[in-house]
């Protein structure tokens, strides 16, 4: 049997933490940030976690 391959798009976008939760990035962070409120930009710096419902599918992409 051939080896299972990871979905490379998922590998680039997500990280699995030691406790099993999945970290994700934030949208709207690349450029033209002057239109956003300072509070919005500040909130986007905080670490984000994928919803519990989606964790199973994302972990399957890492197999």
PDB file of N, CA and C in Angstrom:
ATOM      1  N   UNK A   1       0.839  -1.192   0.000  1.00  0.00           N
ATOM      2  CA  UNK A   1       0.000   0.000   0.000  1.00  0.00           C
ATOM      3  C   UNK A   1       0.880   1.250   0.000  1.00  0.00           C
ATOM      4  N   UNK A   2       0.486   2.263  -0.770  1.00  0.00           N
ATOM      5  CA  UNK A   2       1.232   3.515  -0.721  1.00  0.00           C
ATOM      6  C   UNK A   2       0.959   4.266   0.579  1.00  0.00           C
ATOM      7  N   UNK A   3       1.877   5.164   0.908  1.00  0.00           N
ATOM      8  CA  UNK A   3       1.715   5.952   2.129  1.00  0.00           C
ATOM      9  C   UNK A   3       0.584   6.953   1.963  1.00  0.00           C
ATOM     10  N   UNK A   4      -0.077   7.265   3.084  1.00  0.00           N
ATOM     11  CA  UNK A   4      -1.085   8.323   3.096  1.00  0.00           C
ATOM     12  C   UNK A   4      -0.353   9.658   3.052  1.00  0.00           C
ATOM     13  N   UNK A   5      -0.867  10.593   2.283  1.00  0.00           N
ATOM     14  CA  UNK A   5      -0.233  11.904   2.183  1.00  0.00           C
ATOM     15  C   UNK A   5      -1.098  12.951   2.877  1.00  0.00           C
ATOM     16  N   UNK A   6      -0.441  13.901   3.484  1.00  0.00           N
ATOM     17  CA  UNK A   6      -1.151  15.014   4.108  1.00  0.00           C
ATOM     18  C   UNK A   6      -1.652  15.958   3.036  1.00  0.00           C
ATOM     19  N   UNK A   7      -2.724  16.673   3.348  1.00  0.00           N
ATOM     20  CA  UNK A   7      -3.208  17.736   2.468  1.00  0.00           C
ATOM     21  C   UNK A   7      -2.323  18.945   2.727  1.00  0.00           C
ATOM     22  N   UNK A   8      -1.504  19.310   1.753  1.00  0.00           N
ATOM     23  CA  UNK A   8      -0.483  20.334   1.967  1.00  0.00           C
ATOM     24  C   UNK A   8      -1.095  21.699   2.273  1.00  0.00           C
ATOM     25  N   UNK A   9      -2.269  21.992   1.733  1.00  0.00           N
ATOM     26  CA  UNK A   9      -2.939  23.254   2.044  1.00  0.00           C
ATOM     27  C   UNK A   9      -3.300  23.336   3.516  1.00  0.00           C
ATOM     28  N   UNK A  10      -3.707  22.203   4.101  1.00  0.00           N
ATOM     29  CA  UNK A  10      -4.052  22.170   5.522  1.00  0.00           C
ATOM     30  C   UNK A  10      -2.799  22.271   6.391  1.00  0.00           C
ATOM     31  N   UNK A  11      -1.721  21.637   5.958  1.00  0.00           N
ATOM     32  CA  UNK A  11      -0.473  21.675   6.729  1.00  0.00           C
ATOM     33  C   UNK A  11       0.042  23.108   6.833  1.00  0.00           C
ATOM     34  N   UNK A  12      -0.139  23.879   5.753  1.00  0.00           N
ATOM     35  CA  UNK A  12       0.338  25.259   5.750  1.00  0.00           C
ATOM     36  C   UNK A  12      -0.544  26.178   6.590  1.00  0.00           C
ATOM     37  N   UNK A  13      -1.806  25.819   6.767  1.00  0.00           N
ATOM     38  CA  UNK A  13      -2.749  26.716   7.424  1.00  0.00           C
ATOM     39  C   UNK A  13      -2.980  26.419   8.896  1.00  0.00           C
ATOM     40  N   UNK A  14      -2.761  25.185   9.324  1.00  0.00           N
ATOM     41  CA  UNK A  14      -3.107  24.775  10.688  1.00  0.00           C
ATOM     42  C   UNK A  14      -1.917  24.171  11.401  1.00  0.00           C
ATOM     43  N   UNK A  15      -1.925  24.271  12.728  1.00  0.00           N
ATOM     44  CA  UNK A  15      -0.949  23.594  13.575  1.00  0.00           C
ATOM     45  C   UNK A  15      -1.734  22.854  14.660  1.00  0.00           C
ATOM     46  N   UNK A  16      -1.347  21.616  14.945  1.00  0.00           N
ATOM     47  CA  UNK A  16      -1.999  20.848  16.006  1.00  0.00           C
ATOM     48  C   UNK A  16      -1.178  21.015  17.276  1.00  0.00           C
ATOM     49  N   UNK A  17      -1.834  21.518  18.328  1.00  0.00           N
ATOM     50  CA  UNK A  17      -1.156  21.758  19.593  1.00  0.00           C
ATOM     51  C   UNK A  17      -1.010  20.450  20.359  1.00  0.00           C
ATOM     52  N   UNK A  18      -0.191  20.473  21.413  1.00  0.00           N
ATOM     53  CA  UNK A  18       0.052  19.252  22.187  1.00  0.00           C
ATOM     54  C   UNK A  18      -1.207  18.717  22.844  1.00  0.00           C
ATOM     55  N   UNK A  19      -2.123  19.612  23.217  1.00  0.00           N
ATOM     56  CA  UNK A  19      -3.355  19.151  23.863  1.00  0.00           C
ATOM     57  C   UNK A  19      -4.404  18.692  22.851  1.00  0.00           C
ATOM     58  N   UNK A  20      -4.094  18.731  21.556  1.00  0.00           N
ATOM     59  CA  UNK A  20      -4.987  18.190  20.540  1.00  0.00           C
ATOM     60  C   UNK A  20      -5.845  19.233  19.842  1.00  0.00           C
ATOM     61  N   UNK A  21      -5.896  20.452  20.353  1.00  0.00           N
ATOM     62  CA  UNK A  21      -6.668  21.474  19.664  1.00  0.00           C
ATOM     63  C   UNK A  21      -5.894  21.948  18.436  1.00  0.00           C
ATOM     64  N   UNK A  22      -6.605  22.583  17.523  1.00  0.00           N
ATOM     65  CA  UNK A  22      -6.008  22.988  16.255  1.00  0.00           C
ATOM     66  C   UNK A  22      -5.970  24.512  16.192  1.00  0.00           C
ATOM     67  N   UNK A  23      -4.759  25.060  16.023  1.00  0.00           N
ATOM     68  CA  UNK A  23      -4.595  26.505  15.862  1.00  0.00           C
ATOM     69  C   UNK A  23      -4.842  26.887  14.417  1.00  0.00           C
ATOM     70  N   UNK A  24      -5.342  28.112  14.226  1.00  0.00           N
ATOM     71  CA  UNK A  24      -5.583  28.605  12.880  1.00  0.00           C
ATOM     72  C   UNK A  24      -5.167  30.064  12.798  1.00  0.00           C
ATOM     73  N   UNK A  25      -5.052  30.570  11.590  1.00  0.00           N
ATOM     74  CA  UNK A  25      -4.736  31.972  11.386  1.00  0.00           C
ATOM     75  C   UNK A  25      -5.997  32.816  11.383  1.00  0.00           C
ATOM     76  N   UNK A  26      -5.817  34.091  11.081  1.00  0.00           N
ATOM     77  CA  UNK A  26      -6.937  35.022  11.031  1.00  0.00           C
ATOM     78  C   UNK A  26      -7.032  35.623   9.640  1.00  0.00           C
ATOM     79  N   UNK A  27      -8.243  35.825   9.152  1.00  0.00           N
ATOM     80  CA  UNK A  27      -8.446  36.457   7.854  1.00  0.00           C
ATOM     81  C   UNK A  27      -8.233  37.959   7.960  1.00  0.00           C
ATOM     82  N   UNK A  28      -8.040  38.605   6.830  1.00  0.00           N
ATOM     83  CA  UNK A  28      -7.936  40.066   6.715  1.00  0.00           C
ATOM     84  C   UNK A  28      -6.727  40.623   7.457  1.00  0.00           C
ATOM     85  N   UNK A  29      -5.574  39.942   7.358  1.00  0.00           N
ATOM     86  CA  UNK A  29      -4.372  40.389   8.057  1.00  0.00           C
ATOM     87  C   UNK A  29      -3.246  40.756   7.106  1.00  0.00           C
ATOM     88  N   UNK A  30      -3.450  40.674   5.803  1.00  0.00           N
ATOM     89  CA  UNK A  30      -2.315  40.772   4.891  1.00  0.00           C
ATOM     90  C   UNK A  30      -1.923  42.211   4.552  1.00  0.00           C
ATOM     91  N   UNK A  31      -2.872  43.060   4.189  1.00  0.00           N
ATOM     92  CA  UNK A  31      -2.517  44.420   3.779  1.00  0.00           C
ATOM     93  C   UNK A  31      -3.734  45.328   3.918  1.00  0.00           C
ATOM     94  N   UNK A  32      -3.533  46.621   3.703  1.00  0.00           N
ATOM     95  CA  UNK A  32      -4.557  47.666   3.850  1.00  0.00           C
ATOM     96  C   UNK A  32      -5.211  47.570   5.229  1.00  0.00           C
ATOM     97  N   UNK A  33      -4.383  47.555   6.257  1.00  0.00           N
ATOM     98  CA  UNK A  33      -4.895  47.444   7.617  1.00  0.00           C
ATOM     99  C   UNK A  33      -5.298  48.801   8.186  1.00  0.00           C
ATOM    100  N   UNK A  34      -5.042  49.884   7.446  1.00  0.00           N
ATOM    101  CA  UNK A  34      -5.367  51.211   7.955  1.00  0.00           C
ATOM    102  C   UNK A  34      -6.874  51.430   8.031  1.00  0.00           C
ATOM    103  N   UNK A  35      -7.644  50.675   7.271  1.00  0.00           N
ATOM    104  CA  UNK A  35      -9.106  50.827   7.300  1.00  0.00           C
ATOM    105  C   UNK A  35      -9.728  50.147   8.514  1.00  0.00           C
ATOM    106  N   UNK A  36      -8.978  49.285   9.170  1.00  0.00           N
ATOM    107  CA  UNK A  36      -9.531  48.559  10.316  1.00  0.00           C
ATOM    108  C   UNK A  36      -9.330  49.357  11.598  1.00  0.00           C
ATOM    109  N   UNK A  37     -10.255  49.162  12.536  1.00  0.00           N
ATOM    110  CA  UNK A  37     -10.098  49.759  13.858  1.00  0.00           C
ATOM    111  C   UNK A  37      -8.865  49.172  14.534  1.00  0.00           C
ATOM    112  N   UNK A  38      -8.316  49.937  15.460  1.00  0.00           N
ATOM    113  CA  UNK A  38      -7.164  49.448  16.215  1.00  0.00           C
ATOM    114  C   UNK A  38      -7.553  48.221  17.027  1.00  0.00           C
ATOM    115  N   UNK A  39      -8.773  48.205  17.544  1.00  0.00           N
ATOM    116  CA  UNK A  39      -9.232  47.061  18.323  1.00  0.00           C
ATOM    117  C   UNK A  39      -9.341  45.802  17.489  1.00  0.00           C
ATOM    118  N   UNK A  40      -9.795  45.960  16.248  1.00  0.00           N
ATOM    119  CA  UNK A  40      -9.894  44.807  15.352  1.00  0.00           C
ATOM    120  C   UNK A  40      -8.518  44.240  15.058  1.00  0.00           C
ATOM    121  N   UNK A  41      -7.570  45.126  14.764  1.00  0.00           N
ATOM    122  CA  UNK A  41      -6.208  44.661  14.487  1.00  0.00           C
ATOM    123  C   UNK A  41      -5.608  43.982  15.712  1.00  0.00           C
ATOM    124  N   UNK A  42      -5.891  44.517  16.873  1.00  0.00           N
ATOM    125  CA  UNK A  42      -5.370  43.941  18.113  1.00  0.00           C
ATOM    126  C   UNK A  42      -5.980  42.561  18.364  1.00  0.00           C
ATOM    127  N   UNK A  43      -7.276  42.411  18.105  1.00  0.00           N
ATOM    128  CA  UNK A  43      -7.943  41.116  18.301  1.00  0.00           C
ATOM    129  C   UNK A  43      -7.403  40.060  17.347  1.00  0.00           C
ATOM    130  N   UNK A  44      -6.983  40.481  16.165  1.00  0.00           N
ATOM    131  CA  UNK A  44      -6.469  39.521  15.185  1.00  0.00           C
ATOM    132  C   UNK A  44      -5.103  38.979  15.569  1.00  0.00           C
ATOM    133  N   UNK A  45      -4.406  39.637  16.491  1.00  0.00           N
ATOM    134  CA  UNK A  45      -3.109  39.134  16.942  1.00  0.00           C
ATOM    135  C   UNK A  45      -3.257  37.983  17.928  1.00  0.00           C
ATOM    136  N   UNK A  46      -4.413  37.872  18.569  1.00  0.00           N
ATOM    137  CA  UNK A  46      -4.613  36.833  19.570  1.00  0.00           C
ATOM    138  C   UNK A  46      -4.659  35.462  18.900  1.00  0.00           C
ATOM    139  N   UNK A  47      -4.181  34.411  19.579  1.00  0.00           N
ATOM    140  CA  UNK A  47      -4.241  33.071  18.983  1.00  0.00           C
ATOM    141  C   UNK A  47      -5.677  32.605  18.819  1.00  0.00           C
ATOM    142  N   UNK A  48      -5.934  31.953  17.706  1.00  0.00           N
ATOM    143  CA  UNK A  48      -7.276  31.463  17.398  1.00  0.00           C
ATOM    144  C   UNK A  48      -7.257  29.936  17.361  1.00  0.00           C
ATOM    145  N   UNK A  49      -8.386  29.339  17.716  1.00  0.00           N
ATOM    146  CA  UNK A  49      -8.510  27.885  17.732  1.00  0.00           C
ATOM    147  C   UNK A  49      -9.685  27.500  16.841  1.00  0.00           C
ATOM    148  N   UNK A  50      -9.542  26.402  16.104  1.00  0.00           N
ATOM    149  CA  UNK A  50     -10.595  25.907  15.230  1.00  0.00           C
ATOM    150  C   UNK A  50     -11.753  25.398  16.085  1.00  0.00           C
ATOM    151  N   UNK A  51     -12.971  25.533  15.574  1.00  0.00           N
ATOM    152  CA  UNK A  51     -14.155  25.054  16.283  1.00  0.00           C
ATOM    153  C   UNK A  51     -14.063  23.541  16.489  1.00  0.00           C
ATOM    154  N   UNK A  52     -14.619  23.081  17.586  1.00  0.00           N
ATOM    155  CA  UNK A  52     -14.581  21.668  17.960  1.00  0.00           C
ATOM    156  C   UNK A  52     -15.166  20.781  16.852  1.00  0.00           C
ATOM    157  N   UNK A  53     -16.186  21.289  16.172  1.00  0.00           N
ATOM    158  CA  UNK A  53     -16.866  20.520  15.132  1.00  0.00           C
ATOM    159  C   UNK A  53     -15.929  20.211  13.963  1.00  0.00           C
ATOM    160  N   UNK A  54     -15.028  21.131  13.652  1.00  0.00           N
ATOM    161  CA  UNK A  54     -14.165  20.984  12.481  1.00  0.00           C
ATOM    162  C   UNK A  54     -12.853  20.274  12.769  1.00  0.00           C
ATOM    163  N   UNK A  55     -12.527  20.049  14.035  1.00  0.00           N
ATOM    164  CA  UNK A  55     -11.237  19.463  14.391  1.00  0.00           C
ATOM    165  C   UNK A  55     -11.020  18.084  13.768  1.00  0.00           C
ATOM    166  N   UNK A  56     -12.043  17.258  13.764  1.00  0.00           N
ATOM    167  CA  UNK A  56     -11.903  15.894  13.255  1.00  0.00           C
ATOM    168  C   UNK A  56     -11.513  15.899  11.777  1.00  0.00           C
ATOM    169  N   UNK A  57     -12.160  16.771  10.991  1.00  0.00           N
ATOM    170  CA  UNK A  57     -11.861  16.827   9.566  1.00  0.00           C
ATOM    171  C   UNK A  57     -10.448  17.327   9.304  1.00  0.00           C
ATOM    172  N   UNK A  58     -10.006  18.299  10.062  1.00  0.00           N
ATOM    173  CA  UNK A  58      -8.671  18.854   9.861  1.00  0.00           C
ATOM    174  C   UNK A  58      -7.601  17.838  10.259  1.00  0.00           C
ATOM    175  N   UNK A  59      -7.828  17.128  11.365  1.00  0.00           N
ATOM    176  CA  UNK A  59      -6.862  16.111  11.789  1.00  0.00           C
ATOM    177  C   UNK A  59      -6.778  14.983  10.765  1.00  0.00           C
ATOM    178  N   UNK A  60      -7.881  14.684  10.086  1.00  0.00           N
ATOM    179  CA  UNK A  60      -7.858  13.650   9.062  1.00  0.00           C
ATOM    180  C   UNK A  60      -6.998  14.080   7.879  1.00  0.00           C
ATOM    181  N   UNK A  61      -6.940  15.382   7.612  1.00  0.00           N
ATOM    182  CA  UNK A  61      -6.105  15.879   6.509  1.00  0.00           C
ATOM    183  C   UNK A  61      -4.617  15.734   6.825  1.00  0.00           C
ATOM    184  N   UNK A  62      -4.271  15.622   8.118  1.00  0.00           N
ATOM    185  CA  UNK A  62      -2.875  15.499   8.519  1.00  0.00           C
ATOM    186  C   UNK A  62      -2.393  14.042   8.495  1.00  0.00           C
ATOM    187  N   UNK A  63      -3.290  13.104   8.275  1.00  0.00           N
ATOM    188  CA  UNK A  63      -2.941  11.682   8.373  1.00  0.00           C
ATOM    189  C   UNK A  63      -1.871  11.263   7.379  1.00  0.00           C
TER     190      UNK A  63
END
